[in-house]
Amino acid sequence: MNLHLSIAPLVSLIAGILILVVPRLLNYIVAIYLIIIGLIGILGAGGIYMH
């Protein structure tokens, strides 16, 4: 069984849930999300492959 997890949608989901739960954290969550997505793009780590 092959399981393919993509990092960007997972981070987006967690960020969205946190924004719904604690709206005051919006600025921090957006900033951290953009930094993580930028690092993923630069490093080319688009996904994690689990076998």
PDB file of N, CA and C in Angstrom:
ATOM      1  N   MET A   1       0.835  -1.176   0.000  1.00  0.00           N
ATOM      2  CA  MET A   1       0.000   0.000   0.000  1.00  0.00           C
ATOM      3  C   MET A   1       0.883   1.244   0.000  1.00  0.00           C
ATOM      4  N   ASN A   2       0.695   2.118  -0.946  1.00  0.00           N
ATOM      5  CA  ASN A   2       1.444   3.361  -1.020  1.00  0.00           C
ATOM      6  C   ASN A   2       0.606   4.502  -0.470  1.00  0.00           C
ATOM      7  N   LEU A   3       1.221   5.306   0.377  1.00  0.00           N
ATOM      8  CA  LEU A   3       0.547   6.451   0.967  1.00  0.00           C
ATOM      9  C   LEU A   3       1.343   7.693   0.617  1.00  0.00           C
ATOM     10  N   HIS A   4       0.687   8.639  -0.043  1.00  0.00           N
ATOM     11  CA  HIS A   4       1.356   9.871  -0.457  1.00  0.00           C
ATOM     12  C   HIS A   4       0.744  11.035   0.302  1.00  0.00           C
ATOM     13  N   LEU A   5       1.558  11.666   1.164  1.00  0.00           N
ATOM     14  CA  LEU A   5       1.103  12.821   1.916  1.00  0.00           C
ATOM     15  C   LEU A   5       1.768  14.063   1.350  1.00  0.00           C
ATOM     16  N   SER A   6       0.969  15.039   1.008  1.00  0.00           N
ATOM     17  CA  SER A   6       1.516  16.288   0.531  1.00  0.00           C
ATOM     18  C   SER A   6       1.530  17.268   1.694  1.00  0.00           C
ATOM     19  N   ILE A   7       2.613  17.982   1.844  1.00  0.00           N
ATOM     20  CA  ILE A   7       2.790  18.838   3.013  1.00  0.00           C
ATOM     21  C   ILE A   7       1.914  20.087   2.950  1.00  0.00           C
ATOM     22  N   ALA A   8       1.841  20.734   1.801  1.00  0.00           N
ATOM     23  CA  ALA A   8       1.126  22.009   1.692  1.00  0.00           C
ATOM     24  C   ALA A   8      -0.350  21.906   2.094  1.00  0.00           C
ATOM     25  N   PRO A   9      -1.117  20.933   1.585  1.00  0.00           N
ATOM     26  CA  PRO A   9      -2.523  20.852   2.016  1.00  0.00           C
ATOM     27  C   PRO A   9      -2.676  20.533   3.503  1.00  0.00           C
ATOM     28  N   LEU A  10      -1.757  19.760   4.037  1.00  0.00           N
ATOM     29  CA  LEU A  10      -1.813  19.430   5.461  1.00  0.00           C
ATOM     30  C   LEU A  10      -1.582  20.680   6.306  1.00  0.00           C
ATOM     31  N   VAL A  11      -0.600  21.489   5.945  1.00  0.00           N
ATOM     32  CA  VAL A  11      -0.329  22.732   6.656  1.00  0.00           C
ATOM     33  C   VAL A  11      -1.516  23.688   6.509  1.00  0.00           C
ATOM     34  N   SER A  12      -2.112  23.737   5.324  1.00  0.00           N
ATOM     35  CA  SER A  12      -3.274  24.603   5.094  1.00  0.00           C
ATOM     36  C   SER A  12      -4.440  24.197   5.990  1.00  0.00           C
ATOM     37  N   LEU A  13      -4.676  22.912   6.099  1.00  0.00           N
ATOM     38  CA  LEU A  13      -5.768  22.413   6.927  1.00  0.00           C
ATOM     39  C   LEU A  13      -5.566  22.780   8.385  1.00  0.00           C
ATOM     40  N   ILE A  14      -4.365  22.565   8.893  1.00  0.00           N
ATOM     41  CA  ILE A  14      -4.068  22.895  10.288  1.00  0.00           C
ATOM     42  C   ILE A  14      -4.206  24.395  10.521  1.00  0.00           C
ATOM     43  N   ALA A  15      -3.691  25.208   9.588  1.00  0.00           N
ATOM     44  CA  ALA A  15      -3.786  26.662   9.725  1.00  0.00           C
ATOM     45  C   ALA A  15      -5.248  27.109   9.726  1.00  0.00           C
ATOM     46  N   GLY A  16      -6.059  26.544   8.849  1.00  0.00           N
ATOM     47  CA  GLY A  16      -7.473  26.899   8.790  1.00  0.00           C
ATOM     48  C   GLY A  16      -8.213  26.562  10.067  1.00  0.00           C
ATOM     49  N   ILE A  17      -7.922  25.412  10.628  1.00  0.00           N
ATOM     50  CA  ILE A  17      -8.569  25.012  11.886  1.00  0.00           C
ATOM     51  C   ILE A  17      -8.158  25.951  13.012  1.00  0.00           C
ATOM     52  N   LEU A  18      -6.869  26.288  13.067  1.00  0.00           N
ATOM     53  CA  LEU A  18      -6.407  27.189  14.121  1.00  0.00           C
ATOM     54  C   LEU A  18      -7.033  28.574  13.992  1.00  0.00           C
ATOM     55  N   ILE A  19      -7.197  29.057  12.768  1.00  0.00           N
ATOM     56  CA  ILE A  19      -7.820  30.364  12.558  1.00  0.00           C
ATOM     57  C   ILE A  19      -9.283  30.334  13.011  1.00  0.00           C
ATOM     58  N   LEU A  20      -9.985  29.238  12.753  1.00  0.00           N
ATOM     59  CA  LEU A  20     -11.373  29.131  13.205  1.00  0.00           C
ATOM     60  C   LEU A  20     -11.467  29.095  14.726  1.00  0.00           C
ATOM     61  N   VAL A  21     -10.530  28.391  15.353  1.00  0.00           N
ATOM     62  CA  VAL A  21     -10.581  28.236  16.807  1.00  0.00           C
ATOM     63  C   VAL A  21     -10.125  29.515  17.511  1.00  0.00           C
ATOM     64  N   VAL A  22      -9.013  30.113  17.031  1.00  0.00           N
ATOM     65  CA  VAL A  22      -8.452  31.300  17.681  1.00  0.00           C
ATOM     66  C   VAL A  22      -8.205  32.376  16.625  1.00  0.00           C
ATOM     67  N   PRO A  23      -9.218  33.182  16.310  1.00  0.00           N
ATOM     68  CA  PRO A  23      -9.074  34.176  15.240  1.00  0.00           C
ATOM     69  C   PRO A  23      -7.978  35.216  15.500  1.00  0.00           C
ATOM     70  N   ARG A  24      -7.628  35.454  16.769  1.00  0.00           N
ATOM     71  CA  ARG A  24      -6.590  36.435  17.076  1.00  0.00           C
ATOM     72  C   ARG A  24      -5.220  35.992  16.560  1.00  0.00           C
ATOM     73  N   LEU A  25      -5.044  34.719  16.291  1.00  0.00           N
ATOM     74  CA  LEU A  25      -3.759  34.211  15.819  1.00  0.00           C
ATOM     75  C   LEU A  25      -3.590  34.329  14.307  1.00  0.00           C
ATOM     76  N   LEU A  26      -4.545  34.966  13.639  1.00  0.00           N
ATOM     77  CA  LEU A  26      -4.547  35.003  12.177  1.00  0.00           C
ATOM     78  C   LEU A  26      -3.223  35.505  11.600  1.00  0.00           C
ATOM     79  N   ASN A  27      -2.710  36.622  12.086  1.00  0.00           N
ATOM     80  CA  ASN A  27      -1.464  37.169  11.536  1.00  0.00           C
ATOM     81  C   ASN A  27      -0.301  36.202  11.689  1.00  0.00           C
ATOM     82  N   TYR A  28      -0.180  35.580  12.861  1.00  0.00           N
ATOM     83  CA  TYR A  28       0.924  34.657  13.097  1.00  0.00           C
ATOM     84  C   TYR A  28       0.791  33.403  12.241  1.00  0.00           C
ATOM     85  N   ILE A  29      -0.428  32.884  12.153  1.00  0.00           N
ATOM     86  CA  ILE A  29      -0.649  31.664  11.376  1.00  0.00           C
ATOM     87  C   ILE A  29      -0.344  31.904   9.909  1.00  0.00           C
ATOM     88  N   VAL A  30      -0.799  33.033   9.360  1.00  0.00           N
ATOM     89  CA  VAL A  30      -0.537  33.346   7.958  1.00  0.00           C
ATOM     90  C   VAL A  30       0.959  33.503   7.719  1.00  0.00           C
ATOM     91  N   ALA A  31       1.642  34.197   8.623  1.00  0.00           N
ATOM     92  CA  ALA A  31       3.085  34.394   8.472  1.00  0.00           C
ATOM     93  C   ALA A  31       3.829  33.064   8.509  1.00  0.00           C
ATOM     94  N   ILE A  32       3.505  32.217   9.468  1.00  0.00           N
ATOM     95  CA  ILE A  32       4.173  30.911   9.572  1.00  0.00           C
ATOM     96  C   ILE A  32       3.858  30.054   8.356  1.00  0.00           C
ATOM     97  N   TYR A  33       2.604  30.086   7.906  1.00  0.00           N
ATOM     98  CA  TYR A  33       2.217  29.317   6.719  1.00  0.00           C
ATOM     99  C   TYR A  33       3.028  29.750   5.496  1.00  0.00           C
ATOM    100  N   LEU A  34       3.138  31.056   5.287  1.00  0.00           N
ATOM    101  CA  LEU A  34       3.877  31.545   4.127  1.00  0.00           C
ATOM    102  C   LEU A  34       5.356  31.171   4.207  1.00  0.00           C
ATOM    103  N   ILE A  35       5.923  31.227   5.397  1.00  0.00           N
ATOM    104  CA  ILE A  35       7.327  30.839   5.563  1.00  0.00           C
ATOM    105  C   ILE A  35       7.503  29.356   5.263  1.00  0.00           C
ATOM    106  N   ILE A  36       6.620  28.523   5.774  1.00  0.00           N
ATOM    107  CA  ILE A  36       6.731  27.073   5.536  1.00  0.00           C
ATOM    108  C   ILE A  36       6.573  26.748   4.057  1.00  0.00           C
ATOM    109  N   ILE A  37       5.569  27.332   3.406  1.00  0.00           N
ATOM    110  CA  ILE A  37       5.349  27.070   1.987  1.00  0.00           C
ATOM    111  C   ILE A  37       6.529  27.569   1.159  1.00  0.00           C
ATOM    112  N   GLY A  38       7.088  28.717   1.539  1.00  0.00           N
ATOM    113  CA  GLY A  38       8.262  29.233   0.842  1.00  0.00           C
ATOM    114  C   GLY A  38       9.457  28.303   0.977  1.00  0.00           C
ATOM    115  N   LEU A  39       9.687  27.795   2.184  1.00  0.00           N
ATOM    116  CA  LEU A  39      10.798  26.867   2.395  1.00  0.00           C
ATOM    117  C   LEU A  39      10.592  25.564   1.627  1.00  0.00           C
ATOM    118  N   ILE A  40       9.352  25.083   1.615  1.00  0.00           N
ATOM    119  CA  ILE A  40       9.059  23.864   0.855  1.00  0.00           C
ATOM    120  C   ILE A  40       9.341  24.100  -0.621  1.00  0.00           C
ATOM    121  N   GLY A  41       8.937  25.247  -1.140  1.00  0.00           N
ATOM    122  CA  GLY A  41       9.172  25.561  -2.549  1.00  0.00           C
ATOM    123  C   GLY A  41      10.649  25.679  -2.877  1.00  0.00           C
ATOM    124  N   ILE A  42      11.404  26.329  -1.999  1.00  0.00           N
ATOM    125  CA  ILE A  42      12.839  26.505  -2.239  1.00  0.00           C
ATOM    126  C   ILE A  42      13.585  25.177  -2.151  1.00  0.00           C
ATOM    127  N   LEU A  43      13.253  24.389  -1.147  1.00  0.00           N
ATOM    128  CA  LEU A  43      13.958  23.128  -0.928  1.00  0.00           C
ATOM    129  C   LEU A  43      13.463  22.021  -1.851  1.00  0.00           C
ATOM    130  N   GLY A  44      12.327  22.222  -2.480  1.00  0.00           N
ATOM    131  CA  GLY A  44      11.802  21.234  -3.431  1.00  0.00           C
ATOM    132  C   GLY A  44      11.211  20.007  -2.778  1.00  0.00           C
ATOM    133  N   ALA A  45      10.853  20.110  -1.504  1.00  0.00           N
ATOM    134  CA  ALA A  45      10.260  18.976  -0.807  1.00  0.00           C
ATOM    135  C   ALA A  45       8.745  19.068  -0.944  1.00  0.00           C
ATOM    136  N   GLY A  46       8.224  18.641  -2.086  1.00  0.00           N
ATOM    137  CA  GLY A  46       6.810  18.775  -2.352  1.00  0.00           C
ATOM    138  C   GLY A  46       5.936  17.761  -1.661  1.00  0.00           C
ATOM    139  N   GLY A  47       6.495  16.686  -1.194  1.00  0.00           N
ATOM    140  CA  GLY A  47       5.678  15.665  -0.545  1.00  0.00           C
ATOM    141  C   GLY A  47       6.511  14.644   0.177  1.00  0.00           C
ATOM    142  N   ILE A  48       5.860  13.893   1.018  1.00  0.00           N
ATOM    143  CA  ILE A  48       6.513  12.812   1.741  1.00  0.00           C
ATOM    144  C   ILE A  48       5.937  11.504   1.217  1.00  0.00           C
ATOM    145  N   TYR A  49       6.797  10.587   0.849  1.00  0.00           N
ATOM    146  CA  TYR A  49       6.343   9.298   0.348  1.00  0.00           C
ATOM    147  C   TYR A  49       6.538   8.243   1.428  1.00  0.00           C
ATOM    148  N   MET A  50       5.455   7.572   1.765  1.00  0.00           N
ATOM    149  CA  MET A  50       5.527   6.504   2.752  1.00  0.00           C
ATOM    150  C   MET A  50       5.109   5.207   2.087  1.00  0.00           C
ATOM    151  N   HIS A  51       5.892   4.167   2.262  1.00  0.00           N
ATOM    152  CA  HIS A  51       5.564   2.862   1.661  1.00  0.00           C
ATOM    153  C   HIS A  51       5.206   1.889   2.747  1.00  0.00           C
TER     154      HIS A  51
END
